[in-house]
Amino acid sequence: MAKPNINIQDGFLFQSLKSERRLTILLVTGQHVEGTLRRFDRFALVLEVEGREILIYKHGIVSIDVAAPAG
C-alpha cells in the first residue's frame, strides 16, 4: 500500500484560510507583507492587505509566519 503524500504547505495555508488569522510573509526582496489569506493554489497566494487583495507568487516567498496579535 502506497503512503499518502503529506503536503505541509497546503495544510498550513488551509488552516490559515479557515481561521482567518493574519500572516506575515517575508519576500525574497526582504520586504514583509502582513495580511489575511483569501485564496491560494499551487503557484500563488491572494492576501488581503489594508482592504486590497494582492497576488503573491510562491516562488517569491522566503517564509510565512503567523502575525503577532495587535495590542
Protein backbone atom coordinates (compact mmCIF):
# COMPACT_ATOMS: atom_id res chain seq x y z
CA MET A 1 0.00 0.00 0.00
CA ALA A 2 1.41 3.39 -1.02
CA LYS A 3 1.91 6.09 1.60
CA PRO A 4 -0.27 9.17 1.11
CA ASN A 5 1.59 12.34 0.19
CA ILE A 6 1.75 14.77 3.08
CA ASN A 7 1.69 18.38 1.95
CA ILE A 8 2.65 20.55 4.94
CA GLN A 9 2.34 23.74 2.91
CA ASP A 10 -1.27 23.14 1.92
CA GLY A 11 -2.22 22.10 5.45
CA PHE A 12 -0.73 25.28 6.92
CA LEU A 13 -2.36 27.51 4.30
CA PHE A 14 -5.75 25.80 4.58
CA GLN A 15 -5.77 26.25 8.39
CA SER A 16 -4.77 29.90 7.96
CA LEU A 17 -7.56 30.39 5.44
CA LYS A 18 -10.20 28.77 7.67
CA SER A 19 -9.18 30.61 10.83
CA GLU A 20 -8.64 33.96 9.03
CA ARG A 21 -5.51 34.57 11.09
CA ARG A 22 -3.15 37.31 9.98
CA LEU A 23 0.08 36.21 8.35
CA THR A 24 3.43 37.90 7.92
CA ILE A 25 5.10 36.94 4.65
CA LEU A 26 8.81 37.57 4.05
CA LEU A 27 9.61 38.00 0.37
CA VAL A 28 12.93 37.30 -1.38
CA THR A 29 13.35 41.09 -1.72
CA GLY A 30 13.45 41.38 2.09
CA GLN A 31 10.04 43.08 2.24
CA HIS A 32 7.50 41.96 4.86
CA VAL A 33 3.81 41.84 3.91
CA GLU A 34 1.16 41.35 6.59
CA GLY A 35 -2.43 40.45 5.82
CA THR A 36 -5.17 37.84 5.77
CA LEU A 37 -5.06 34.91 3.37
CA ARG A 38 -8.04 34.88 1.00
CA ARG A 39 -7.13 32.21 -1.61
CA PHE A 40 -4.22 30.04 -2.69
CA ASP A 41 -3.29 27.49 -5.34
CA ARG A 42 -0.15 25.64 -6.45
CA PHE A 43 1.61 28.80 -7.59
CA ALA A 44 0.28 31.82 -5.73
CA LEU A 45 -1.47 33.33 -2.70
CA VAL A 46 -4.04 36.12 -2.55
CA LEU A 47 -3.54 38.19 0.58
CA GLU A 48 -5.85 40.95 1.79
CA VAL A 49 -3.74 43.90 2.92
CA GLU A 50 -5.43 47.09 4.15
CA GLY A 51 -8.63 46.35 2.23
CA ARG A 52 -6.87 45.43 -1.05
CA GLU A 53 -6.17 41.97 -2.40
CA ILE A 54 -2.65 41.35 -3.64
CA LEU A 55 -1.31 38.36 -5.56
CA ILE A 56 1.98 36.91 -4.30
CA TYR A 57 3.74 34.21 -6.28
CA LYS A 58 5.03 31.40 -4.06
CA HIS A 59 8.47 31.40 -5.72
CA GLY A 60 8.93 34.92 -4.29
CA ILE A 61 8.27 33.85 -0.69
CA VAL A 62 11.03 33.08 1.81
CA SER A 63 8.86 32.38 4.86
CA ILE A 64 5.34 32.68 6.25
CA ASP A 65 4.68 33.36 9.92
CA VAL A 66 1.54 33.86 11.98
CA ALA A 67 1.41 37.60 12.76
CA ALA A 68 1.68 38.67 16.38
CA PRO A 69 -1.65 39.78 17.83
CA ALA A 70 -2.19 43.55 17.89
CA GLY A 71 -2.05 45.21 21.25
